[in-house]
Amino acid sequence: MNYIDFKQIIKHLKKNLPCGTCNKKFSDDGIHLVSSLNDDLLFHFYCPFCKNQMVAEVSIVEQTRTTNKLNINAKNGGIISPDDVLDIHNFLNRFDGDFIKLFSN
């Protein structure tokens, strides 16, 4: 994927993917590429108006010289409470790094 393709995808997302909470459009500053692999992209969106966060998985399913057909799967991040942060903090303090034991239950 080249820079022009990437720029067109961002433009398409800004136009067609509003904030799931307040329905306003995202700005360039609120859209961040988290990862990319081949024709699959993962974006993080932040709305400065309502502070909502969203994650979108974007896949290029068909590409021509002039257009990209995209498959977009977006989910609102939900609100993270102070208790959620404390729960993660406490879990990480007790976690011994044994992932096999963690996922075997």
C-alpha atoms as a PDB file:
ATOM      1  CA  MET A   1       0.000   0.000   0.000  1.00  0.00           C
ATOM      2  CA  ASN A   2       1.396   3.375  -0.921  1.00  0.00           C
ATOM      3  CA  TYR A   3       0.983   6.804   0.657  1.00  0.00           C
ATOM      4  CA  ILE A   4      -1.718   7.898  -1.811  1.00  0.00           C
ATOM      5  CA  ASP A   5      -3.823   4.802  -1.017  1.00  0.00           C
ATOM      6  CA  PHE A   6      -3.398   5.460   2.692  1.00  0.00           C
ATOM      7  CA  LYS A   7      -4.381   9.115   2.307  1.00  0.00           C
ATOM      8  CA  GLN A   8      -7.526   8.117   0.343  1.00  0.00           C
ATOM      9  CA  ILE A   9      -8.498   5.632   3.049  1.00  0.00           C
ATOM     10  CA  ILE A  10      -8.168   8.310   5.752  1.00  0.00           C
ATOM     11  CA  LYS A  11     -10.276  10.687   3.646  1.00  0.00           C
ATOM     12  CA  HIS A  12     -12.932   7.985   3.192  1.00  0.00           C
ATOM     13  CA  LEU A  13     -12.990   7.207   6.930  1.00  0.00           C
ATOM     14  CA  LYS A  14     -13.333  10.873   7.873  1.00  0.00           C
ATOM     15  CA  LYS A  15     -16.258  11.267   5.473  1.00  0.00           C
ATOM     16  CA  ASN A  16     -18.118   8.019   6.196  1.00  0.00           C
ATOM     17  CA  LEU A  17     -17.326   7.038   9.793  1.00  0.00           C
ATOM     18  CA  PRO A  18     -18.673   9.558  12.329  1.00  0.00           C
ATOM     19  CA  CYS A  19     -18.283   9.304  16.089  1.00  0.00           C
ATOM     20  CA  GLY A  20     -20.591   6.617  17.443  1.00  0.00           C
ATOM     21  CA  THR A  21     -21.597   8.793  20.414  1.00  0.00           C
ATOM     22  CA  CYS A  22     -22.054  12.373  19.178  1.00  0.00           C
ATOM     23  CA  ASN A  23     -22.145  11.665  15.407  1.00  0.00           C
ATOM     24  CA  LYS A  24     -19.554  14.377  14.620  1.00  0.00           C
ATOM     25  CA  LYS A  25     -16.774  13.807  12.108  1.00  0.00           C
ATOM     26  CA  PHE A  26     -13.280  12.931  13.271  1.00  0.00           C
ATOM     27  CA  SER A  27     -10.404  15.296  12.561  1.00  0.00           C
ATOM     28  CA  ASP A  28      -6.980  14.297  11.258  1.00  0.00           C
ATOM     29  CA  ASP A  29      -5.582  14.664  14.790  1.00  0.00           C
ATOM     30  CA  GLY A  30      -8.131  12.171  16.103  1.00  0.00           C
ATOM     31  CA  ILE A  31      -7.255   9.338  13.705  1.00  0.00           C
ATOM     32  CA  HIS A  32      -4.194   7.186  14.369  1.00  0.00           C
ATOM     33  CA  LEU A  33      -2.910   4.135  12.546  1.00  0.00           C
ATOM     34  CA  VAL A  34      -2.183   1.457  15.142  1.00  0.00           C
ATOM     35  CA  SER A  35      -0.972  -1.300  12.820  1.00  0.00           C
ATOM     36  CA  SER A  36      -0.980  -2.498   9.245  1.00  0.00           C
ATOM     37  CA  LEU A  37      -0.337  -5.833   7.625  1.00  0.00           C
ATOM     38  CA  ASN A  38      -0.702  -6.212   3.866  1.00  0.00           C
ATOM     39  CA  ASP A  39      -4.175  -4.816   3.085  1.00  0.00           C
ATOM     40  CA  ASP A  40      -5.435  -4.836   6.692  1.00  0.00           C
ATOM     41  CA  LEU A  41      -5.259  -1.714   8.843  1.00  0.00           C
ATOM     42  CA  LEU A  42      -6.175  -1.006  12.461  1.00  0.00           C
ATOM     43  CA  PHE A  43      -7.098   2.571  13.422  1.00  0.00           C
ATOM     44  CA  HIS A  44      -7.749   4.289  16.746  1.00  0.00           C
ATOM     45  CA  PHE A  45     -10.188   7.214  16.689  1.00  0.00           C
ATOM     46  CA  TYR A  46     -10.560   9.900  19.358  1.00  0.00           C
ATOM     47  CA  CYS A  47     -13.415  12.421  19.357  1.00  0.00           C
ATOM     48  CA  PRO A  48     -12.431  15.790  20.892  1.00  0.00           C
ATOM     49  CA  PHE A  49     -16.084  16.773  21.264  1.00  0.00           C
ATOM     50  CA  CYS A  50     -17.398  13.940  23.478  1.00  0.00           C
ATOM     51  CA  LYS A  51     -14.093  12.175  24.354  1.00  0.00           C
ATOM     52  CA  ASN A  52     -15.343   8.890  22.833  1.00  0.00           C
ATOM     53  CA  GLN A  53     -12.761   6.434  21.547  1.00  0.00           C
ATOM     54  CA  MET A  54     -13.279   3.934  18.785  1.00  0.00           C
ATOM     55  CA  VAL A  55     -11.275   1.200  17.076  1.00  0.00           C
ATOM     56  CA  ALA A  56     -11.785   0.363  13.398  1.00  0.00           C
ATOM     57  CA  GLU A  57     -10.408  -2.543  11.413  1.00  0.00           C
ATOM     58  CA  VAL A  58     -10.168  -1.684   7.718  1.00  0.00           C
ATOM     59  CA  SER A  59      -9.500  -4.224   4.970  1.00  0.00           C
ATOM     60  CA  ILE A  60      -9.009  -3.456   1.298  1.00  0.00           C
ATOM     61  CA  VAL A  61     -11.178  -6.093  -0.358  1.00  0.00           C
ATOM     62  CA  GLU A  62     -10.907  -4.873  -3.944  1.00  0.00           C
ATOM     63  CA  GLN A  63      -8.461  -2.440  -5.501  1.00  0.00           C
ATOM     64  CA  THR A  64      -8.450  -0.761  -8.907  1.00  0.00           C
ATOM     65  CA  ARG A  65      -6.276   2.002 -10.308  1.00  0.00           C
ATOM     66  CA  THR A  66      -8.676   4.681  -9.111  1.00  0.00           C
ATOM     67  CA  THR A  67     -10.556   3.262  -6.111  1.00  0.00           C
ATOM     68  CA  ASN A  68     -10.317   0.952  -3.140  1.00  0.00           C
ATOM     69  CA  LYS A  69     -13.336  -1.021  -1.935  1.00  0.00           C
ATOM     70  CA  LEU A  70     -13.072  -1.195   1.843  1.00  0.00           C
ATOM     71  CA  ASN A  71     -14.524  -3.438   4.496  1.00  0.00           C
ATOM     72  CA  ILE A  72     -14.797  -1.426   7.740  1.00  0.00           C
ATOM     73  CA  ASN A  73     -15.527  -2.956  11.146  1.00  0.00           C
ATOM     74  CA  ALA A  74     -15.713  -0.317  13.909  1.00  0.00           C
ATOM     75  CA  LYS A  75     -16.446  -0.581  17.634  1.00  0.00           C
ATOM     76  CA  ASN A  76     -16.866   2.126  20.245  1.00  0.00           C
ATOM     77  CA  GLY A  77     -14.374   1.848  23.056  1.00  0.00           C
ATOM     78  CA  GLY A  78     -16.822   2.382  25.876  1.00  0.00           C
ATOM     79  CA  ILE A  79     -16.142   4.334  29.028  1.00  0.00           C
ATOM     80  CA  ILE A  80     -13.281   3.247  31.261  1.00  0.00           C
ATOM     81  CA  SER A  81     -14.060   3.898  34.910  1.00  0.00           C
ATOM     82  CA  PRO A  82     -11.508   4.537  37.670  1.00  0.00           C
ATOM     83  CA  ASP A  83     -12.424   1.087  39.032  1.00  0.00           C
ATOM     84  CA  ASP A  84     -11.481  -0.474  35.660  1.00  0.00           C
ATOM     85  CA  VAL A  85      -8.051   1.150  35.886  1.00  0.00           C
ATOM     86  CA  LEU A  86      -7.595  -0.051  39.478  1.00  0.00           C
ATOM     87  CA  ASP A  87      -8.636  -3.590  38.507  1.00  0.00           C
ATOM     88  CA  ILE A  88      -5.985  -3.718  35.765  1.00  0.00           C
ATOM     89  CA  HIS A  89      -3.391  -2.186  38.100  1.00  0.00           C
ATOM     90  CA  ASN A  90      -4.112  -4.801  40.780  1.00  0.00           C
ATOM     91  CA  PHE A  91      -4.069  -7.637  38.243  1.00  0.00           C
ATOM     92  CA  LEU A  92      -0.704  -6.537  36.834  1.00  0.00           C
ATOM     93  CA  ASN A  93       0.768  -6.236  40.343  1.00  0.00           C
ATOM     94  CA  ARG A  94      -0.152  -9.874  41.027  1.00  0.00           C
ATOM     95  CA  PHE A  95       0.597 -11.265  37.550  1.00  0.00           C
ATOM     96  CA  ASP A  96       3.723 -13.430  37.507  1.00  0.00           C
ATOM     97  CA  GLY A  97       4.128 -13.526  33.715  1.00  0.00           C
ATOM     98  CA  ASP A  98       2.929 -17.113  33.309  1.00  0.00           C
ATOM     99  CA  PHE A  99       0.657 -16.861  30.246  1.00  0.00           C
ATOM    100  CA  ILE A 100       0.170 -20.617  30.024  1.00  0.00           C
ATOM    101  CA  LYS A 101      -1.319 -20.678  33.499  1.00  0.00           C
ATOM    102  CA  LEU A 102      -3.351 -17.547  32.785  1.00  0.00           C
ATOM    103  CA  PHE A 103      -5.042 -18.975  29.679  1.00  0.00           C
ATOM    104  CA  SER A 104      -5.380 -22.570  30.848  1.00  0.00           C
ATOM    105  CA  ASN A 105      -8.391 -21.845  33.103  1.00  0.00           C
END
